[in-house]
Amino acid sequence: MSFSELTADLSHPPQPETVEWYRLACFLPRTLAPGVNVSDPGDAQAQADADYRFVLQQLGPCRRNLH
């Protein structure tokens, strides 16, 4: 099973402490990459940045034990 199949249910965000949540909360970059492919570099880029920050905020911090 691929990760995209695990996260294909778009009706709700992944539940905290699940594999889906862990993969997103712990491995998504904290910001969008410079030059991310957005069709309109002006307002669309600003909206993409805001949307990405919102997603990260909703996921919450990764609290994995690094020891």
PDB file of N, CA and C in Angstrom:
ATOM      1  N   MET A   1       0.842  -1.161   0.000  1.00  0.00           N
ATOM      2  CA  MET A   1       0.000   0.000   0.000  1.00  0.00           C
ATOM      3  C   MET A   1       0.898   1.239   0.000  1.00  0.00           C
ATOM      4  N   SER A   2       0.601   2.180  -0.839  1.00  0.00           N
ATOM      5  CA  SER A   2       1.397   3.405  -0.905  1.00  0.00           C
ATOM      6  C   SER A   2       0.858   4.439   0.083  1.00  0.00           C
ATOM      7  N   PHE A   3       1.705   5.430   0.396  1.00  0.00           N
ATOM      8  CA  PHE A   3       1.281   6.480   1.318  1.00  0.00           C
ATOM      9  C   PHE A   3       0.096   7.255   0.758  1.00  0.00           C
ATOM     10  N   SER A   4       0.062   7.453  -0.560  1.00  0.00           N
ATOM     11  CA  SER A   4      -1.064   8.189  -1.154  1.00  0.00           C
ATOM     12  C   SER A   4      -2.371   7.431  -0.952  1.00  0.00           C
ATOM     13  N   GLU A   5      -2.326   6.118  -0.942  1.00  0.00           N
ATOM     14  CA  GLU A   5      -3.544   5.340  -0.671  1.00  0.00           C
ATOM     15  C   GLU A   5      -3.972   5.485   0.785  1.00  0.00           C
ATOM     16  N   LEU A   6      -3.003   5.595   1.683  1.00  0.00           N
ATOM     17  CA  LEU A   6      -3.332   5.772   3.100  1.00  0.00           C
ATOM     18  C   LEU A   6      -3.977   7.120   3.368  1.00  0.00           C
ATOM     19  N   THR A   7      -3.591   8.128   2.617  1.00  0.00           N
ATOM     20  CA  THR A   7      -4.087   9.481   2.851  1.00  0.00           C
ATOM     21  C   THR A   7      -5.134   9.908   1.838  1.00  0.00           C
ATOM     22  N   ALA A   8      -5.676   8.995   1.066  1.00  0.00           N
ATOM     23  CA  ALA A   8      -6.611   9.335   0.002  1.00  0.00           C
ATOM     24  C   ALA A   8      -7.956   9.834   0.515  1.00  0.00           C
ATOM     25  N   ASP A   9      -8.302   9.570   1.768  1.00  0.00           N
ATOM     26  CA  ASP A   9      -9.567  10.033   2.326  1.00  0.00           C
ATOM     27  C   ASP A   9      -9.434  11.517   2.659  1.00  0.00           C
ATOM     28  N   LEU A  10      -9.943  12.360   1.760  1.00  0.00           N
ATOM     29  CA  LEU A  10      -9.789  13.801   1.923  1.00  0.00           C
ATOM     30  C   LEU A  10     -10.896  14.430   2.757  1.00  0.00           C
ATOM     31  N   SER A  11     -11.800  13.623   3.296  1.00  0.00           N
ATOM     32  CA  SER A  11     -12.920  14.181   4.049  1.00  0.00           C
ATOM     33  C   SER A  11     -12.521  14.639   5.446  1.00  0.00           C
ATOM     34  N   HIS A  12     -11.368  14.210   5.935  1.00  0.00           N
ATOM     35  CA  HIS A  12     -10.907  14.657   7.246  1.00  0.00           C
ATOM     36  C   HIS A  12      -9.390  14.574   7.314  1.00  0.00           C
ATOM     37  N   PRO A  13      -8.788  15.430   8.143  1.00  0.00           N
ATOM     38  CA  PRO A  13      -7.325  15.384   8.279  1.00  0.00           C
ATOM     39  C   PRO A  13      -6.916  14.127   9.043  1.00  0.00           C
ATOM     40  N   PRO A  14      -5.657  13.734   8.937  1.00  0.00           N
ATOM     41  CA  PRO A  14      -5.210  12.556   9.675  1.00  0.00           C
ATOM     42  C   PRO A  14      -5.312  12.780  11.179  1.00  0.00           C
ATOM     43  N   GLN A  15      -5.679  11.749  11.873  1.00  0.00           N
ATOM     44  CA  GLN A  15      -5.786  11.825  13.330  1.00  0.00           C
ATOM     45  C   GLN A  15      -4.391  11.871  13.947  1.00  0.00           C
ATOM     46  N   PRO A  16      -4.220  12.676  15.009  1.00  0.00           N
ATOM     47  CA  PRO A  16      -2.919  12.736  15.682  1.00  0.00           C
ATOM     48  C   PRO A  16      -2.455  11.357  16.132  1.00  0.00           C
ATOM     49  N   GLU A  17      -1.147  11.192  16.099  1.00  0.00           N
ATOM     50  CA  GLU A  17      -0.482   9.976  16.553  1.00  0.00           C
ATOM     51  C   GLU A  17      -0.745   8.757  15.665  1.00  0.00           C
ATOM     52  N   THR A  18      -1.230   8.961  14.446  1.00  0.00           N
ATOM     53  CA  THR A  18      -1.380   7.863  13.491  1.00  0.00           C
ATOM     54  C   THR A  18      -0.193   7.900  12.528  1.00  0.00           C
ATOM     55  N   VAL A  19      -0.035   6.861  11.742  1.00  0.00           N
ATOM     56  CA  VAL A  19       1.053   6.823  10.759  1.00  0.00           C
ATOM     57  C   VAL A  19       0.918   7.982   9.780  1.00  0.00           C
ATOM     58  N   GLU A  20      -0.301   8.245   9.335  1.00  0.00           N
ATOM     59  CA  GLU A  20      -0.514   9.335   8.377  1.00  0.00           C
ATOM     60  C   GLU A  20      -0.102  10.675   8.983  1.00  0.00           C
ATOM     61  N   TRP A  21      -0.535  10.910  10.218  1.00  0.00           N
ATOM     62  CA  TRP A  21      -0.198  12.157  10.894  1.00  0.00           C
ATOM     63  C   TRP A  21       1.314  12.268  11.071  1.00  0.00           C
ATOM     64  N   TYR A  22       1.934  11.206  11.550  1.00  0.00           N
ATOM     65  CA  TYR A  22       3.375  11.201  11.784  1.00  0.00           C
ATOM     66  C   TYR A  22       4.154  11.548  10.522  1.00  0.00           C
ATOM     67  N   ARG A  23       3.785  10.932   9.408  1.00  0.00           N
ATOM     68  CA  ARG A  23       4.494  11.189   8.154  1.00  0.00           C
ATOM     69  C   ARG A  23       4.388  12.657   7.754  1.00  0.00           C
ATOM     70  N   LEU A  24       3.233  13.261   7.966  1.00  0.00           N
ATOM     71  CA  LEU A  24       3.060  14.671   7.595  1.00  0.00           C
ATOM     72  C   LEU A  24       3.672  15.606   8.633  1.00  0.00           C
ATOM     73  N   ALA A  25       3.326  15.420   9.893  1.00  0.00           N
ATOM     74  CA  ALA A  25       3.779  16.340  10.943  1.00  0.00           C
ATOM     75  C   ALA A  25       5.289  16.317  11.129  1.00  0.00           C
ATOM     76  N   CYS A  26       5.904  15.163  10.922  1.00  0.00           N
ATOM     77  CA  CYS A  26       7.333  15.040  11.208  1.00  0.00           C
ATOM     78  C   CYS A  26       8.243  15.219   9.991  1.00  0.00           C
ATOM     79  N   PHE A  27       7.690  15.140   8.796  1.00  0.00           N
ATOM     80  CA  PHE A  27       8.571  15.166   7.633  1.00  0.00           C
ATOM     81  C   PHE A  27       8.260  16.246   6.605  1.00  0.00           C
ATOM     82  N   LEU A  28       7.133  16.938   6.730  1.00  0.00           N
ATOM     83  CA  LEU A  28       6.903  18.062   5.815  1.00  0.00           C
ATOM     84  C   LEU A  28       7.885  19.178   6.154  1.00  0.00           C
ATOM     85  N   PRO A  29       8.434  19.841   5.151  1.00  0.00           N
ATOM     86  CA  PRO A  29       9.299  20.989   5.448  1.00  0.00           C
ATOM     87  C   PRO A  29       8.491  22.083   6.138  1.00  0.00           C
ATOM     88  N   ARG A  30       9.138  22.874   6.938  1.00  0.00           N
ATOM     89  CA  ARG A  30       8.448  23.931   7.702  1.00  0.00           C
ATOM     90  C   ARG A  30       7.960  25.064   6.810  1.00  0.00           C
ATOM     91  N   THR A  31       8.517  25.216   5.631  1.00  0.00           N
ATOM     92  CA  THR A  31       8.068  26.241   4.679  1.00  0.00           C
ATOM     93  C   THR A  31       8.044  25.634   3.282  1.00  0.00           C
ATOM     94  N   LEU A  32       7.279  26.248   2.404  1.00  0.00           N
ATOM     95  CA  LEU A  32       7.284  25.828   1.003  1.00  0.00           C
ATOM     96  C   LEU A  32       8.651  26.123   0.399  1.00  0.00           C
ATOM     97  N   ALA A  33       9.066  25.292  -0.505  1.00  0.00           N
ATOM     98  CA  ALA A  33      10.347  25.502  -1.176  1.00  0.00           C
ATOM     99  C   ALA A  33      10.285  26.772  -2.020  1.00  0.00           C
ATOM    100  N   PRO A  34      11.377  27.524  -2.068  1.00  0.00           N
ATOM    101  CA  PRO A  34      11.399  28.699  -2.935  1.00  0.00           C
ATOM    102  C   PRO A  34      11.123  28.285  -4.374  1.00  0.00           C
ATOM    103  N   GLY A  35      10.321  29.054  -5.056  1.00  0.00           N
ATOM    104  CA  GLY A  35      10.023  28.761  -6.450  1.00  0.00           C
ATOM    105  C   GLY A  35       9.050  27.628  -6.641  1.00  0.00           C
ATOM    106  N   VAL A  36       8.266  27.308  -5.590  1.00  0.00           N
ATOM    107  CA  VAL A  36       7.271  26.250  -5.741  1.00  0.00           C
ATOM    108  C   VAL A  36       6.379  26.583  -6.932  1.00  0.00           C
ATOM    109  N   ASN A  37       5.943  25.573  -7.646  1.00  0.00           N
ATOM    110  CA  ASN A  37       5.212  25.780  -8.889  1.00  0.00           C
ATOM    111  C   ASN A  37       3.782  26.257  -8.614  1.00  0.00           C
ATOM    112  N   VAL A  38       3.600  27.553  -8.637  1.00  0.00           N
ATOM    113  CA  VAL A  38       2.282  28.181  -8.501  1.00  0.00           C
ATOM    114  C   VAL A  38       2.055  28.978  -9.773  1.00  0.00           C
ATOM    115  N   SER A  39       0.877  28.822 -10.366  1.00  0.00           N
ATOM    116  CA  SER A  39       0.627  29.423 -11.676  1.00  0.00           C
ATOM    117  C   SER A  39       0.775  30.940 -11.691  1.00  0.00           C
ATOM    118  N   ASP A  40       0.358  31.619 -10.639  1.00  0.00           N
ATOM    119  CA  ASP A  40       0.457  33.079 -10.572  1.00  0.00           C
ATOM    120  C   ASP A  40       1.394  33.426  -9.420  1.00  0.00           C
ATOM    121  N   PRO A  41       2.561  34.001  -9.723  1.00  0.00           N
ATOM    122  CA  PRO A  41       3.545  34.237  -8.668  1.00  0.00           C
ATOM    123  C   PRO A  41       3.125  35.276  -7.623  1.00  0.00           C
ATOM    124  N   GLY A  42       2.146  36.097  -7.881  1.00  0.00           N
ATOM    125  CA  GLY A  42       1.752  37.151  -6.944  1.00  0.00           C
ATOM    126  C   GLY A  42       0.839  36.654  -5.843  1.00  0.00           C
ATOM    127  N   ASP A  43      -0.445  36.895  -6.007  1.00  0.00           N
ATOM    128  CA  ASP A  43      -1.422  36.532  -4.992  1.00  0.00           C
ATOM    129  C   ASP A  43      -1.496  35.026  -4.769  1.00  0.00           C
ATOM    130  N   ALA A  44      -1.334  34.245  -5.815  1.00  0.00           N
ATOM    131  CA  ALA A  44      -1.414  32.789  -5.683  1.00  0.00           C
ATOM    132  C   ALA A  44      -0.276  32.259  -4.809  1.00  0.00           C
ATOM    133  N   GLN A  45       0.903  32.847  -4.935  1.00  0.00           N
ATOM    134  CA  GLN A  45       2.037  32.429  -4.100  1.00  0.00           C
ATOM    135  C   GLN A  45       1.766  32.744  -2.638  1.00  0.00           C
ATOM    136  N   ALA A  46       1.249  33.929  -2.371  1.00  0.00           N
ATOM    137  CA  ALA A  46       0.929  34.308  -0.999  1.00  0.00           C
ATOM    138  C   ALA A  46      -0.148  33.388  -0.421  1.00  0.00           C
ATOM    139  N   GLN A  47      -1.144  33.042  -1.231  1.00  0.00           N
ATOM    140  CA  GLN A  47      -2.201  32.143  -0.763  1.00  0.00           C
ATOM    141  C   GLN A  47      -1.652  30.737  -0.520  1.00  0.00           C
ATOM    142  N   ALA A  48      -0.777  30.268  -1.392  1.00  0.00           N
ATOM    143  CA  ALA A  48      -0.169  28.948  -1.204  1.00  0.00           C
ATOM    144  C   ALA A  48       0.639  28.907   0.085  1.00  0.00           C
ATOM    145  N   ASP A  49       1.391  29.975   0.370  1.00  0.00           N
ATOM    146  CA  ASP A  49       2.158  30.050   1.617  1.00  0.00           C
ATOM    147  C   ASP A  49       1.230  30.030   2.827  1.00  0.00           C
ATOM    148  N   ALA A  50       0.157  30.800   2.773  1.00  0.00           N
ATOM    149  CA  ALA A  50      -0.802  30.844   3.882  1.00  0.00           C
ATOM    150  C   ALA A  50      -1.486  29.491   4.074  1.00  0.00           C
ATOM    151  N   ASP A  51      -1.879  28.860   2.987  1.00  0.00           N
ATOM    152  CA  ASP A  51      -2.516  27.542   3.074  1.00  0.00           C
ATOM    153  C   ASP A  51      -1.566  26.517   3.681  1.00  0.00           C
ATOM    154  N   TYR A  52      -0.315  26.552   3.282  1.00  0.00           N
ATOM    155  CA  TYR A  52       0.669  25.604   3.790  1.00  0.00           C
ATOM    156  C   TYR A  52       0.890  25.803   5.286  1.00  0.00           C
ATOM    157  N   ARG A  53       1.011  27.065   5.712  1.00  0.00           N
ATOM    158  CA  ARG A  53       1.163  27.351   7.146  1.00  0.00           C
ATOM    159  C   ARG A  53      -0.051  26.862   7.926  1.00  0.00           C
ATOM    160  N   PHE A  54      -1.245  27.010   7.359  1.00  0.00           N
ATOM    161  CA  PHE A  54      -2.462  26.547   8.011  1.00  0.00           C
ATOM    162  C   PHE A  54      -2.436  25.025   8.197  1.00  0.00           C
ATOM    163  N   VAL A  55      -2.035  24.311   7.164  1.00  0.00           N
ATOM    164  CA  VAL A  55      -1.953  22.846   7.250  1.00  0.00           C
ATOM    165  C   VAL A  55      -0.979  22.442   8.354  1.00  0.00           C
ATOM    166  N   LEU A  56       0.191  23.059   8.384  1.00  0.00           N
ATOM    167  CA  LEU A  56       1.169  22.731   9.419  1.00  0.00           C
ATOM    168  C   LEU A  56       0.636  23.049  10.810  1.00  0.00           C
ATOM    169  N   GLN A  57      -0.069  24.171  10.927  1.00  0.00           N
ATOM    170  CA  GLN A  57      -0.662  24.551  12.214  1.00  0.00           C
ATOM    171  C   GLN A  57      -1.696  23.515  12.658  1.00  0.00           C
ATOM    172  N   GLN A  58      -2.520  23.052  11.736  1.00  0.00           N
ATOM    173  CA  GLN A  58      -3.542  22.066  12.071  1.00  0.00           C
ATOM    174  C   GLN A  58      -2.937  20.714  12.450  1.00  0.00           C
ATOM    175  N   LEU A  59      -1.817  20.365  11.836  1.00  0.00           N
ATOM    176  CA  LEU A  59      -1.151  19.104  12.180  1.00  0.00           C
ATOM    177  C   LEU A  59      -0.556  19.168  13.581  1.00  0.00           C
ATOM    178  N   GLY A  60      -0.035  20.334  13.936  1.00  0.00           N
ATOM    179  CA  GLY A  60       0.630  20.473  15.220  1.00  0.00           C
ATOM    180  C   GLY A  60       2.069  19.996  15.141  1.00  0.00           C
ATOM    181  N   PRO A  61       2.805  20.166  16.249  1.00  0.00           N
ATOM    182  CA  PRO A  61       4.212  19.801  16.232  1.00  0.00           C
ATOM    183  C   PRO A  61       4.433  18.292  16.258  1.00  0.00           C
ATOM    184  N   CYS A  62       5.537  17.879  15.712  1.00  0.00           N
ATOM    185  CA  CYS A  62       5.960  16.479  15.784  1.00  0.00           C
ATOM    186  C   CYS A  62       6.625  16.281  17.127  1.00  0.00           C
ATOM    187  N   ARG A  63       6.118  15.381  17.917  1.00  0.00           N
ATOM    188  CA  ARG A  63       6.670  15.138  19.252  1.00  0.00           C
ATOM    189  C   ARG A  63       7.362  13.780  19.327  1.00  0.00           C
ATOM    190  N   ARG A  64       8.052  13.414  18.280  1.00  0.00           N
ATOM    191  CA  ARG A  64       8.720  12.117  18.312  1.00  0.00           C
ATOM    192  C   ARG A  64       9.924  12.173  19.237  1.00  0.00           C
ATOM    193  N   ASN A  65      10.249  11.065  19.809  1.00  0.00           N
ATOM    194  CA  ASN A  65      11.385  10.951  20.711  1.00  0.00           C
ATOM    195  C   ASN A  65      12.642  10.731  19.881  1.00  0.00           C
ATOM    196  N   LEU A  66      13.564  11.643  19.939  1.00  0.00           N
ATOM    197  CA  LEU A  66      14.763  11.571  19.110  1.00  0.00           C
ATOM    198  C   LEU A  66      15.906  10.831  19.813  1.00  0.00           C
ATOM    199  N   HIS A  67      15.686  10.279  20.955  1.00  0.00           N
ATOM    200  CA  HIS A  67      16.746   9.576  21.698  1.00  0.00           C
ATOM    201  C   HIS A  67      16.786   8.120  21.329  1.00  0.00           C
TER     202      HIS A  67
END
